Amino acid sequence: FADGMEDNPQNVALAVAYADWLLEEGKRRQAVAVMRRYVRDTPSSVRGWTVYGELCRRTDAGCAAEAAAGRARAQRSLGIDLPPGQLQPNGLFGRLIER
């Protein structure tokens, strides 16, 4: 799971499966950390924020408010998440200046 998440950190199905497996193994903090990292890498994922919020409530991790706020932002966002670490593209004038 860890290798898969490193290769494809924006795969919600993989993140959810990994978090579920960690919960089954009794590793609650690690499960929450997996979903927290996923939503930080993919902030426009409503499903990710929803799962993160449910996990926060189930584990009493104290992050339910953060998850609710993130979900609300994701519902208003129409953007597409860039791969983690990739900078936002420059606007029209930024591209002209670079050339």
PDB file of N, CA and C in Angstrom:
ATOM      1  N   PHE A   1       0.816  -1.192   0.000  1.00  0.00           N
ATOM      2  CA  PHE A   1       0.000   0.000   0.000  1.00  0.00           C
ATOM      3  C   PHE A   1       0.864   1.263   0.000  1.00  0.00           C
ATOM      4  N   ALA A   2       1.889   1.272   0.818  1.00  0.00           N
ATOM      5  CA  ALA A   2       2.730   2.463   0.918  1.00  0.00           C
ATOM      6  C   ALA A   2       3.401   2.768  -0.418  1.00  0.00           C
ATOM      7  N   ASP A   3       3.898   1.741  -1.096  1.00  0.00           N
ATOM      8  CA  ASP A   3       4.522   1.950  -2.401  1.00  0.00           C
ATOM      9  C   ASP A   3       3.499   2.462  -3.414  1.00  0.00           C
ATOM     10  N   GLY A   4       2.313   1.912  -3.381  1.00  0.00           N
ATOM     11  CA  GLY A   4       1.253   2.361  -4.286  1.00  0.00           C
ATOM     12  C   GLY A   4       0.880   3.804  -4.047  1.00  0.00           C
ATOM     13  N   MET A   5       0.795   4.201  -2.783  1.00  0.00           N
ATOM     14  CA  MET A   5       0.461   5.593  -2.465  1.00  0.00           C
ATOM     15  C   MET A   5       1.579   6.540  -2.881  1.00  0.00           C
ATOM     16  N   GLU A   6       2.812   6.069  -2.784  1.00  0.00           N
ATOM     17  CA  GLU A   6       3.926   6.915  -3.213  1.00  0.00           C
ATOM     18  C   GLU A   6       3.916   7.102  -4.721  1.00  0.00           C
ATOM     19  N   ASP A   7       3.593   6.029  -5.453  1.00  0.00           N
ATOM     20  CA  ASP A   7       3.543   6.099  -6.915  1.00  0.00           C
ATOM     21  C   ASP A   7       2.321   6.858  -7.421  1.00  0.00           C
ATOM     22  N   ASN A   8       1.213   6.779  -6.701  1.00  0.00           N
ATOM     23  CA  ASN A   8      -0.027   7.409  -7.155  1.00  0.00           C
ATOM     24  C   ASN A   8      -0.754   8.016  -5.953  1.00  0.00           C
ATOM     25  N   PRO A   9      -0.256   9.141  -5.431  1.00  0.00           N
ATOM     26  CA  PRO A   9      -0.820   9.703  -4.205  1.00  0.00           C
ATOM     27  C   PRO A   9      -2.223  10.291  -4.358  1.00  0.00           C
ATOM     28  N   GLN A  10      -2.741  10.369  -5.583  1.00  0.00           N
ATOM     29  CA  GLN A  10      -4.068  10.952  -5.785  1.00  0.00           C
ATOM     30  C   GLN A  10      -5.127   9.895  -6.096  1.00  0.00           C
ATOM     31  N   ASN A  11      -4.858   8.640  -5.783  1.00  0.00           N
ATOM     32  CA  ASN A  11      -5.801   7.557  -6.026  1.00  0.00           C
ATOM     33  C   ASN A  11      -6.652   7.358  -4.773  1.00  0.00           C
ATOM     34  N   VAL A  12      -7.899   7.811  -4.827  1.00  0.00           N
ATOM     35  CA  VAL A  12      -8.761   7.767  -3.652  1.00  0.00           C
ATOM     36  C   VAL A  12      -9.076   6.335  -3.244  1.00  0.00           C
ATOM     37  N   ALA A  13      -9.305   5.441  -4.192  1.00  0.00           N
ATOM     38  CA  ALA A  13      -9.633   4.050  -3.845  1.00  0.00           C
ATOM     39  C   ALA A  13      -8.470   3.398  -3.098  1.00  0.00           C
ATOM     40  N   LEU A  14      -7.258   3.668  -3.530  1.00  0.00           N
ATOM     41  CA  LEU A  14      -6.082   3.119  -2.869  1.00  0.00           C
ATOM     42  C   LEU A  14      -5.922   3.698  -1.464  1.00  0.00           C
ATOM     43  N   ALA A  15      -6.123   4.998  -1.323  1.00  0.00           N
ATOM     44  CA  ALA A  15      -6.005   5.642  -0.014  1.00  0.00           C
ATOM     45  C   ALA A  15      -7.033   5.080   0.961  1.00  0.00           C
ATOM     46  N   VAL A  16      -8.270   4.909   0.494  1.00  0.00           N
ATOM     47  CA  VAL A  16      -9.325   4.377   1.356  1.00  0.00           C
ATOM     48  C   VAL A  16      -9.014   2.930   1.749  1.00  0.00           C
ATOM     49  N   ALA A  17      -8.587   2.116   0.791  1.00  0.00           N
ATOM     50  CA  ALA A  17      -8.250   0.722   1.089  1.00  0.00           C
ATOM     51  C   ALA A  17      -7.091   0.636   2.080  1.00  0.00           C
ATOM     52  N   TYR A  18      -6.086   1.485   1.897  1.00  0.00           N
ATOM     53  CA  TYR A  18      -4.935   1.498   2.805  1.00  0.00           C
ATOM     54  C   TYR A  18      -5.370   1.903   4.214  1.00  0.00           C
ATOM     55  N   ALA A  19      -6.173   2.963   4.324  1.00  0.00           N
ATOM     56  CA  ALA A  19      -6.652   3.412   5.634  1.00  0.00           C
ATOM     57  C   ALA A  19      -7.500   2.329   6.303  1.00  0.00           C
ATOM     58  N   ASP A  20      -8.363   1.668   5.533  1.00  0.00           N
ATOM     59  CA  ASP A  20      -9.188   0.585   6.095  1.00  0.00           C
ATOM     60  C   ASP A  20      -8.314  -0.549   6.612  1.00  0.00           C
ATOM     61  N   TRP A  21      -7.288  -0.915   5.846  1.00  0.00           N
ATOM     62  CA  TRP A  21      -6.392  -1.988   6.271  1.00  0.00           C
ATOM     63  C   TRP A  21      -5.664  -1.596   7.557  1.00  0.00           C
ATOM     64  N   LEU A  22      -5.189  -0.355   7.612  1.00  0.00           N
ATOM     65  CA  LEU A  22      -4.512   0.099   8.827  1.00  0.00           C
ATOM     66  C   LEU A  22      -5.446   0.055  10.031  1.00  0.00           C
ATOM     67  N   LEU A  23      -6.712   0.427   9.834  1.00  0.00           N
ATOM     68  CA  LEU A  23      -7.685   0.347  10.929  1.00  0.00           C
ATOM     69  C   LEU A  23      -7.860  -1.097  11.397  1.00  0.00           C
ATOM     70  N   GLU A  24      -7.951  -2.015  10.451  1.00  0.00           N
ATOM     71  CA  GLU A  24      -8.086  -3.434  10.808  1.00  0.00           C
ATOM     72  C   GLU A  24      -6.883  -3.931  11.599  1.00  0.00           C
ATOM     73  N   GLU A  25      -5.726  -3.358  11.323  1.00  0.00           N
ATOM     74  CA  GLU A  25      -4.500  -3.735  12.029  1.00  0.00           C
ATOM     75  C   GLU A  25      -4.350  -2.994  13.365  1.00  0.00           C
ATOM     76  N   GLY A  26      -5.317  -2.132  13.692  1.00  0.00           N
ATOM     77  CA  GLY A  26      -5.271  -1.387  14.950  1.00  0.00           C
ATOM     78  C   GLY A  26      -4.392  -0.149  14.911  1.00  0.00           C
ATOM     79  N   LYS A  27      -4.054   0.310  13.735  1.00  0.00           N
ATOM     80  CA  LYS A  27      -3.170   1.476  13.577  1.00  0.00           C
ATOM     81  C   LYS A  27      -4.005   2.695  13.202  1.00  0.00           C
ATOM     82  N   ARG A  28      -4.712   3.222  14.182  1.00  0.00           N
ATOM     83  CA  ARG A  28      -5.652   4.321  13.935  1.00  0.00           C
ATOM     84  C   ARG A  28      -4.949   5.606  13.508  1.00  0.00           C
ATOM     85  N   ARG A  29      -3.867   5.961  14.193  1.00  0.00           N
ATOM     86  CA  ARG A  29      -3.152   7.204  13.844  1.00  0.00           C
ATOM     87  C   ARG A  29      -2.613   7.167  12.427  1.00  0.00           C
ATOM     88  N   GLN A  30      -2.068   6.015  12.032  1.00  0.00           N
ATOM     89  CA  GLN A  30      -1.525   5.883  10.687  1.00  0.00           C
ATOM     90  C   GLN A  30      -2.634   5.953   9.642  1.00  0.00           C
ATOM     91  N   ALA A  31      -3.803   5.379   9.959  1.00  0.00           N
ATOM     92  CA  ALA A  31      -4.939   5.433   9.025  1.00  0.00           C
ATOM     93  C   ALA A  31      -5.376   6.880   8.801  1.00  0.00           C
ATOM     94  N   VAL A  32      -5.464   7.642   9.868  1.00  0.00           N
ATOM     95  CA  VAL A  32      -5.834   9.059   9.755  1.00  0.00           C
ATOM     96  C   VAL A  32      -4.760   9.812   8.971  1.00  0.00           C
ATOM     97  N   ALA A  33      -3.497   9.492   9.214  1.00  0.00           N
ATOM     98  CA  ALA A  33      -2.396  10.160   8.512  1.00  0.00           C
ATOM     99  C   ALA A  33      -2.435   9.889   7.008  1.00  0.00           C
ATOM    100  N   VAL A  34      -2.800   8.679   6.623  1.00  0.00           N
ATOM    101  CA  VAL A  34      -2.906   8.351   5.198  1.00  0.00           C
ATOM    102  C   VAL A  34      -3.974   9.216   4.535  1.00  0.00           C
ATOM    103  N   MET A  35      -5.127   9.319   5.164  1.00  0.00           N
ATOM    104  CA  MET A  35      -6.201  10.119   4.569  1.00  0.00           C
ATOM    105  C   MET A  35      -5.878  11.612   4.635  1.00  0.00           C
ATOM    106  N   ARG A  36      -5.215  12.053   5.687  1.00  0.00           N
ATOM    107  CA  ARG A  36      -4.821  13.471   5.772  1.00  0.00           C
ATOM    108  C   ARG A  36      -3.865  13.814   4.633  1.00  0.00           C
ATOM    109  N   ARG A  37      -2.908  12.936   4.392  1.00  0.00           N
ATOM    110  CA  ARG A  37      -1.966  13.185   3.298  1.00  0.00           C
ATOM    111  C   ARG A  37      -2.694  13.180   1.953  1.00  0.00           C
ATOM    112  N   TYR A  38      -3.636  12.251   1.790  1.00  0.00           N
ATOM    113  CA  TYR A  38      -4.388  12.190   0.540  1.00  0.00           C
ATOM    114  C   TYR A  38      -5.131  13.506   0.291  1.00  0.00           C
ATOM    115  N   VAL A  39      -5.858  14.018   1.289  1.00  0.00           N
ATOM    116  CA  VAL A  39      -6.641  15.243   1.057  1.00  0.00           C
ATOM    117  C   VAL A  39      -5.743  16.458   0.893  1.00  0.00           C
ATOM    118  N   ARG A  40      -4.571  16.446   1.478  1.00  0.00           N
ATOM    119  CA  ARG A  40      -3.641  17.562   1.256  1.00  0.00           C
ATOM    120  C   ARG A  40      -3.057  17.519  -0.152  1.00  0.00           C
ATOM    121  N   ASP A  41      -2.864  16.309  -0.687  1.00  0.00           N
ATOM    122  CA  ASP A  41      -2.372  16.169  -2.055  1.00  0.00           C
ATOM    123  C   ASP A  41      -3.484  16.368  -3.083  1.00  0.00           C
ATOM    124  N   THR A  42      -4.734  16.186  -2.675  1.00  0.00           N
ATOM    125  CA  THR A  42      -5.882  16.254  -3.578  1.00  0.00           C
ATOM    126  C   THR A  42      -6.999  17.070  -2.925  1.00  0.00           C
ATOM    127  N   PRO A  43      -6.794  18.370  -2.740  1.00  0.00           N
ATOM    128  CA  PRO A  43      -7.755  19.165  -1.980  1.00  0.00           C
ATOM    129  C   PRO A  43      -9.121  19.339  -2.633  1.00  0.00           C
ATOM    130  N   SER A  44      -9.275  19.025  -3.905  1.00  0.00           N
ATOM    131  CA  SER A  44     -10.578  19.165  -4.568  1.00  0.00           C
ATOM    132  C   SER A  44     -11.410  17.886  -4.511  1.00  0.00           C
ATOM    133  N   SER A  45     -10.931  16.860  -3.841  1.00  0.00           N
ATOM    134  CA  SER A  45     -11.636  15.578  -3.771  1.00  0.00           C
ATOM    135  C   SER A  45     -12.689  15.592  -2.664  1.00  0.00           C
ATOM    136  N   VAL A  46     -13.943  15.737  -3.067  1.00  0.00           N
ATOM    137  CA  VAL A  46     -15.035  15.729  -2.086  1.00  0.00           C
ATOM    138  C   VAL A  46     -15.084  14.372  -1.397  1.00  0.00           C
ATOM    139  N   ARG A  47     -14.928  13.305  -2.176  1.00  0.00           N
ATOM    140  CA  ARG A  47     -14.962  11.965  -1.579  1.00  0.00           C
ATOM    141  C   ARG A  47     -13.836  11.790  -0.562  1.00  0.00           C
ATOM    142  N   GLY A  48     -12.652  12.270  -0.879  1.00  0.00           N
ATOM    143  CA  GLY A  48     -11.526  12.166   0.052  1.00  0.00           C
ATOM    144  C   GLY A  48     -11.801  12.874   1.360  1.00  0.00           C
ATOM    145  N   TRP A  49     -12.332  14.098   1.274  1.00  0.00           N
ATOM    146  CA  TRP A  49     -12.646  14.850   2.488  1.00  0.00           C
ATOM    147  C   TRP A  49     -13.760  14.178   3.281  1.00  0.00           C
ATOM    148  N   THR A  50     -14.717  13.581   2.572  1.00  0.00           N
ATOM    149  CA  THR A  50     -15.803  12.879   3.257  1.00  0.00           C
ATOM    150  C   THR A  50     -15.275  11.680   4.033  1.00  0.00           C
ATOM    151  N   VAL A  51     -14.450  10.875   3.380  1.00  0.00           N
ATOM    152  CA  VAL A  51     -13.867   9.699   4.037  1.00  0.00           C
ATOM    153  C   VAL A  51     -12.978  10.133   5.198  1.00  0.00           C
ATOM    154  N   TYR A  52     -12.200  11.180   4.992  1.00  0.00           N
ATOM    155  CA  TYR A  52     -11.330  11.697   6.049  1.00  0.00           C
ATOM    156  C   TYR A  52     -12.165  12.124   7.255  1.00  0.00           C
ATOM    157  N   GLY A  53     -13.264  12.816   7.011  1.00  0.00           N
ATOM    158  CA  GLY A  53     -14.137  13.248   8.103  1.00  0.00           C
ATOM    159  C   GLY A  53     -14.732  12.074   8.856  1.00  0.00           C
ATOM    160  N   GLU A  54     -15.194  11.057   8.134  1.00  0.00           N
ATOM    161  CA  GLU A  54     -15.747   9.863   8.781  1.00  0.00           C
ATOM    162  C   GLU A  54     -14.683   9.162   9.619  1.00  0.00           C
ATOM    163  N   LEU A  55     -13.485   9.094   9.089  1.00  0.00           N
ATOM    164  CA  LEU A  55     -12.382   8.466   9.814  1.00  0.00           C
ATOM    165  C   LEU A  55     -12.026   9.265  11.065  1.00  0.00           C
ATOM    166  N   CYS A  56     -12.028  10.573  10.952  1.00  0.00           N
ATOM    167  CA  CYS A  56     -11.741  11.426  12.117  1.00  0.00           C
ATOM    168  C   CYS A  56     -12.771  11.203  13.219  1.00  0.00           C
ATOM    169  N   ARG A  57     -14.036  11.104  12.833  1.00  0.00           N
ATOM    170  CA  ARG A  57     -15.090  10.879  13.831  1.00  0.00           C
ATOM    171  C   ARG A  57     -14.986   9.476  14.445  1.00  0.00           C
ATOM    172  N   ARG A  58     -14.716   8.472  13.618  1.00  0.00           N
ATOM    173  CA  ARG A  58     -14.637   7.095  14.126  1.00  0.00           C
ATOM    174  C   ARG A  58     -13.474   6.894  15.079  1.00  0.00           C
ATOM    175  N   THR A  59     -12.386   7.593  14.833  1.00  0.00           N
ATOM    176  CA  THR A  59     -11.181   7.391  15.640  1.00  0.00           C
ATOM    177  C   THR A  59     -10.995   8.464  16.708  1.00  0.00           C
ATOM    178  N   ASP A  60     -11.911   9.416  16.786  1.00  0.00           N
ATOM    179  CA  ASP A  60     -11.783  10.535  17.730  1.00  0.00           C
ATOM    180  C   ASP A  60     -10.431  11.218  17.614  1.00  0.00           C
ATOM    181  N   ALA A  61     -10.018  11.451  16.366  1.00  0.00           N
ATOM    182  CA  ALA A  61      -8.691  12.026  16.109  1.00  0.00           C
ATOM    183  C   ALA A  61      -8.661  13.551  16.246  1.00  0.00           C
ATOM    184  N   GLY A  62      -9.800  14.183  16.414  1.00  0.00           N
ATOM    185  CA  GLY A  62      -9.826  15.627  16.594  1.00  0.00           C
ATOM    186  C   GLY A  62      -9.662  16.424  15.316  1.00  0.00           C
ATOM    187  N   CYS A  63      -9.942  15.810  14.175  1.00  0.00           N
ATOM    188  CA  CYS A  63      -9.755  16.504  12.905  1.00  0.00           C
ATOM    189  C   CYS A  63     -11.065  16.644  12.127  1.00  0.00           C
ATOM    190  N   ALA A  64     -12.194  16.378  12.763  1.00  0.00           N
ATOM    191  CA  ALA A  64     -13.484  16.418  12.075  1.00  0.00           C
ATOM    192  C   ALA A  64     -13.806  17.818  11.552  1.00  0.00           C
ATOM    193  N   ALA A  65     -13.463  18.855  12.314  1.00  0.00           N
ATOM    194  CA  ALA A  65     -13.738  20.227  11.869  1.00  0.00           C
ATOM    195  C   ALA A  65     -12.893  20.581  10.646  1.00  0.00           C
ATOM    196  N   GLU A  66     -11.644  20.170  10.655  1.00  0.00           N
ATOM    197  CA  GLU A  66     -10.766  20.391   9.494  1.00  0.00           C
ATOM    198  C   GLU A  66     -11.335  19.689   8.264  1.00  0.00           C
ATOM    199  N   ALA A  67     -11.810  18.463   8.460  1.00  0.00           N
ATOM    200  CA  ALA A  67     -12.368  17.697   7.349  1.00  0.00           C
ATOM    201  C   ALA A  67     -13.649  18.338   6.815  1.00  0.00           C
ATOM    202  N   ALA A  68     -14.487  18.831   7.696  1.00  0.00           N
ATOM    203  CA  ALA A  68     -15.726  19.481   7.264  1.00  0.00           C
ATOM    204  C   ALA A  68     -15.422  20.750   6.472  1.00  0.00           C
ATOM    205  N   ALA A  69     -14.444  21.524   6.934  1.00  0.00           N
ATOM    206  CA  ALA A  69     -14.064  22.746   6.217  1.00  0.00           C
ATOM    207  C   ALA A  69     -13.463  22.402   4.851  1.00  0.00           C
ATOM    208  N   GLY A  70     -12.631  21.378   4.795  1.00  0.00           N
ATOM    209  CA  GLY A  70     -12.038  20.959   3.533  1.00  0.00           C
ATOM    210  C   GLY A  70     -13.084  20.469   2.552  1.00  0.00           C
ATOM    211  N   ARG A  71     -14.061  19.725   3.059  1.00  0.00           N
ATOM    212  CA  ARG A  71     -15.142  19.225   2.197  1.00  0.00           C
ATOM    213  C   ARG A  71     -15.958  20.381   1.635  1.00  0.00           C
ATOM    214  N   ALA A  72     -16.234  21.373   2.477  1.00  0.00           N
ATOM    215  CA  ALA A  72     -16.991  22.546   2.018  1.00  0.00           C
ATOM    216  C   ALA A  72     -16.220  23.289   0.926  1.00  0.00           C
ATOM    217  N   ARG A  73     -14.909  23.449   1.097  1.00  0.00           N
ATOM    218  CA  ARG A  73     -14.089  24.107   0.069  1.00  0.00           C
ATOM    219  C   ARG A  73     -14.084  23.292  -1.221  1.00  0.00           C
ATOM    220  N   ALA A  74     -13.962  21.970  -1.091  1.00  0.00           N
ATOM    221  CA  ALA A  74     -13.918  21.105  -2.275  1.00  0.00           C
ATOM    222  C   ALA A  74     -15.232  21.157  -3.047  1.00  0.00           C
ATOM    223  N   GLN A  75     -16.339  21.295  -2.340  1.00  0.00           N
ATOM    224  CA  GLN A  75     -17.633  21.369  -3.013  1.00  0.00           C
ATOM    225  C   GLN A  75     -17.782  22.661  -3.812  1.00  0.00           C
ATOM    226  N   ARG A  76     -17.104  23.723  -3.378  1.00  0.00           N
ATOM    227  CA  ARG A  76     -17.174  25.004  -4.087  1.00  0.00           C
ATOM    228  C   ARG A  76     -16.116  25.118  -5.186  1.00  0.00           C
ATOM    229  N   SER A  77     -15.100  24.261  -5.131  1.00  0.00           N
ATOM    230  CA  SER A  77     -13.980  24.331  -6.060  1.00  0.00           C
ATOM    231  C   SER A  77     -14.306  23.615  -7.364  1.00  0.00           C
ATOM    232  N   LEU A  78     -13.962  24.251  -8.456  1.00  0.00           N
ATOM    233  CA  LEU A  78     -14.140  23.627  -9.756  1.00  0.00           C
ATOM    234  C   LEU A  78     -12.795  23.296 -10.396  1.00  0.00           C
ATOM    235  N   GLY A  79     -11.746  23.370  -9.610  1.00  0.00           N
ATOM    236  CA  GLY A  79     -10.406  23.133 -10.136  1.00  0.00           C
ATOM    237  C   GLY A  79     -10.065  21.666 -10.232  1.00  0.00           C
ATOM    238  N   ILE A  80      -8.989  21.394 -10.924  1.00  0.00           N
ATOM    239  CA  ILE A  80      -8.451  20.047 -11.043  1.00  0.00           C
ATOM    240  C   ILE A  80      -7.140  20.039 -10.276  1.00  0.00           C
ATOM    241  N   ASP A  81      -6.961  19.034  -9.439  1.00  0.00           N
ATOM    242  CA  ASP A  81      -5.750  18.956  -8.635  1.00  0.00           C
ATOM    243  C   ASP A  81      -4.552  18.588  -9.509  1.00  0.00           C
ATOM    244  N   LEU A  82      -3.493  19.368  -9.350  1.00  0.00           N
ATOM    245  CA  LEU A  82      -2.241  19.078 -10.044  1.00  0.00           C
ATOM    246  C   LEU A  82      -1.506  17.981  -9.285  1.00  0.00           C
ATOM    247  N   PRO A  83      -0.605  17.271  -9.944  1.00  0.00           N
ATOM    248  CA  PRO A  83       0.197  16.276  -9.214  1.00  0.00           C
ATOM    249  C   PRO A  83       0.923  16.952  -8.050  1.00  0.00           C
ATOM    250  N   PRO A  84       1.084  16.249  -6.923  1.00  0.00           N
ATOM    251  CA  PRO A  84       1.765  16.843  -5.773  1.00  0.00           C
ATOM    252  C   PRO A  84       3.138  17.371  -6.148  1.00  0.00           C
ATOM    253  N   GLY A  85       3.431  18.571  -5.695  1.00  0.00           N
ATOM    254  CA  GLY A  85       4.726  19.191  -5.952  1.00  0.00           C
ATOM    255  C   GLY A  85       4.799  20.009  -7.228  1.00  0.00           C
ATOM    256  N   GLN A  86       3.803  19.878  -8.120  1.00  0.00           N
ATOM    257  CA  GLN A  86       3.816  20.654  -9.361  1.00  0.00           C
ATOM    258  C   GLN A  86       3.259  22.042  -9.083  1.00  0.00           C
ATOM    259  N   LEU A  87       3.954  23.062  -9.561  1.00  0.00           N
ATOM    260  CA  LEU A  87       3.532  24.439  -9.351  1.00  0.00           C
ATOM    261  C   LEU A  87       2.338  24.779 -10.245  1.00  0.00           C
ATOM    262  N   GLN A  88       1.516  25.691  -9.774  1.00  0.00           N
ATOM    263  CA  GLN A  88       0.403  26.177 -10.585  1.00  0.00           C
ATOM    264  C   GLN A  88       0.956  26.848 -11.833  1.00  0.00           C
ATOM    265  N   PRO A  89       0.318  26.664 -12.980  1.00  0.00           N
ATOM    266  CA  PRO A  89       0.801  27.339 -14.188  1.00  0.00           C
ATOM    267  C   PRO A  89       0.613  28.847 -14.067  1.00  0.00           C
ATOM    268  N   ASN A  90       1.490  29.578 -14.713  1.00  0.00           N
ATOM    269  CA  ASN A  90       1.378  31.034 -14.725  1.00  0.00           C
ATOM    270  C   ASN A  90       0.169  31.445 -15.550  1.00  0.00           C
ATOM    271  N   GLY A  91      -0.356  32.615 -15.253  1.00  0.00           N
ATOM    272  CA  GLY A  91      -1.437  33.154 -16.060  1.00  0.00           C
ATOM    273  C   GLY A  91      -0.924  33.604 -17.415  1.00  0.00           C
ATOM    274  N   LEU A  92      -1.781  34.154 -18.228  1.00  0.00           N
ATOM    275  CA  LEU A  92      -1.436  34.577 -19.583  1.00  0.00           C
ATOM    276  C   LEU A  92      -0.238  35.519 -19.584  1.00  0.00           C
ATOM    277  N   PHE A  93      -0.249  36.524 -18.737  1.00  0.00           N
ATOM    278  CA  PHE A  93       0.835  37.497 -18.746  1.00  0.00           C
ATOM    279  C   PHE A  93       2.134  36.894 -18.216  1.00  0.00           C
ATOM    280  N   GLY A  94       2.047  35.944 -17.290  1.00  0.00           N
ATOM    281  CA  GLY A  94       3.243  35.279 -16.795  1.00  0.00           C
ATOM    282  C   GLY A  94       3.917  34.483 -17.904  1.00  0.00           C
ATOM    283  N   ARG A  95       3.146  33.835 -18.755  1.00  0.00           N
ATOM    284  CA  ARG A  95       3.714  33.072 -19.866  1.00  0.00           C
ATOM    285  C   ARG A  95       4.381  34.006 -20.864  1.00  0.00           C
ATOM    286  N   LEU A  96       3.776  35.157 -21.109  1.00  0.00           N
ATOM    287  CA  LEU A  96       4.354  36.099 -22.069  1.00  0.00           C
ATOM    288  C   LEU A  96       5.677  36.649 -21.556  1.00  0.00           C
ATOM    289  N   ILE A  97       5.745  36.917 -20.278  1.00  0.00           N
ATOM    290  CA  ILE A  97       6.965  37.475 -19.693  1.00  0.00           C
ATOM    291  C   ILE A  97       8.083  36.448 -19.735  1.00  0.00           C
ATOM    292  N   GLU A  98       7.773  35.163 -19.504  1.00  0.00           N
ATOM    293  CA  GLU A  98       8.802  34.128 -19.495  1.00  0.00           C
ATOM    294  C   GLU A  98       9.437  33.950 -20.875  1.00  0.00           C
ATOM    295  N   ARG A  99       8.678  34.170 -21.935  1.00  0.00           N
ATOM    296  CA  ARG A  99       9.220  33.970 -23.278  1.00  0.00           C
ATOM    297  C   ARG A  99      10.083  35.123 -23.593  1.00  0.00           C
TER     298      ARG A  99
END
